[in-house]
């Protein structure tokens, strides 16, 4: 995956999290045709960039903690 594609996917992943539409790494892995581990790494990368991304066990989805 090249740098531009990776950044586009990070942006899309962040957008899904902001909208409350990311329920599982499995869901995005199917969409991006990659592994769930890759999605978890991407979420970790967004956290490194300063985004406070949390997972709600009760709602079973990721959200942005502002």
Protein backbone atom coordinates (compact mmCIF):
# COMPACT_ATOMS: atom_id res chain seq x y z
CA UNK A 1 0.00 0.00 0.00
CA UNK A 2 1.49 3.34 -0.96
CA UNK A 3 1.61 6.44 1.24
CA UNK A 4 -1.29 8.25 -0.45
CA UNK A 5 -3.59 5.23 -0.27
CA UNK A 6 -2.67 4.72 3.40
CA UNK A 7 -3.45 8.35 4.25
CA UNK A 8 -6.73 8.21 2.34
CA UNK A 9 -7.70 5.12 4.29
CA UNK A 10 -6.73 6.79 7.57
CA UNK A 11 -8.93 9.76 6.68
CA UNK A 12 -11.83 7.49 5.76
CA UNK A 13 -11.39 5.47 8.96
CA UNK A 14 -11.38 8.66 11.04
CA UNK A 15 -14.51 9.87 9.23
CA UNK A 16 -16.30 6.59 10.04
CA UNK A 17 -15.29 6.90 13.70
CA UNK A 18 -16.45 10.55 13.87
CA UNK A 19 -19.83 9.58 12.45
CA UNK A 20 -20.14 6.66 14.88
CA UNK A 21 -20.29 4.22 12.00
CA UNK A 22 -17.30 2.00 12.85
CA UNK A 23 -18.45 -1.02 14.80
CA UNK A 24 -15.57 -3.42 14.41
CA UNK A 25 -12.14 -3.81 12.83
CA UNK A 26 -13.60 -6.80 10.97
CA UNK A 27 -16.10 -4.52 9.21
CA UNK A 28 -13.39 -2.17 7.95
CA UNK A 29 -11.00 -5.01 7.12
CA UNK A 30 -13.56 -6.39 4.70
CA UNK A 31 -14.10 -2.93 3.24
CA UNK A 32 -10.35 -2.26 2.79
CA UNK A 33 -9.57 -5.90 1.91
CA UNK A 34 -6.90 -6.16 4.58
CA UNK A 35 -6.48 -7.82 7.97
CA UNK A 36 -8.14 -6.77 11.20
CA UNK A 37 -4.66 -6.28 12.63
CA UNK A 38 -3.97 -3.66 9.96
CA UNK A 39 -7.12 -1.79 10.98
CA UNK A 40 -6.06 -1.92 14.64
CA UNK A 41 -2.65 -0.54 13.65
CA UNK A 42 -4.34 2.25 11.71
CA UNK A 43 -6.48 3.13 14.74
CA UNK A 44 -3.27 3.13 16.79
CA UNK A 45 -1.68 5.48 14.25
CA UNK A 46 -4.63 7.87 14.56
CA UNK A 47 -4.21 7.78 18.34
CA UNK A 48 -0.52 8.62 17.91
CA UNK A 49 -1.57 11.65 15.86
CA UNK A 50 -3.55 12.89 18.85
CA UNK A 51 -7.05 11.61 18.23
CA UNK A 52 -8.66 10.25 21.38
CA UNK A 53 -10.32 7.14 19.96
CA UNK A 54 -12.09 4.89 22.43
CA UNK A 55 -14.09 1.70 22.14
CA UNK A 56 -17.42 1.34 23.91
CA UNK A 57 -18.12 -2.23 24.93
CA UNK A 58 -21.76 -1.43 25.69
CA UNK A 59 -22.39 0.22 22.29
CA UNK A 60 -19.90 -2.08 20.55
CA UNK A 61 -18.35 0.68 18.44
CA UNK A 62 -15.46 3.10 18.27
CA UNK A 63 -15.98 6.77 19.01
CA UNK A 64 -13.98 9.97 19.19
CA UNK A 65 -13.60 11.24 22.75
CA UNK A 66 -13.51 15.04 22.60
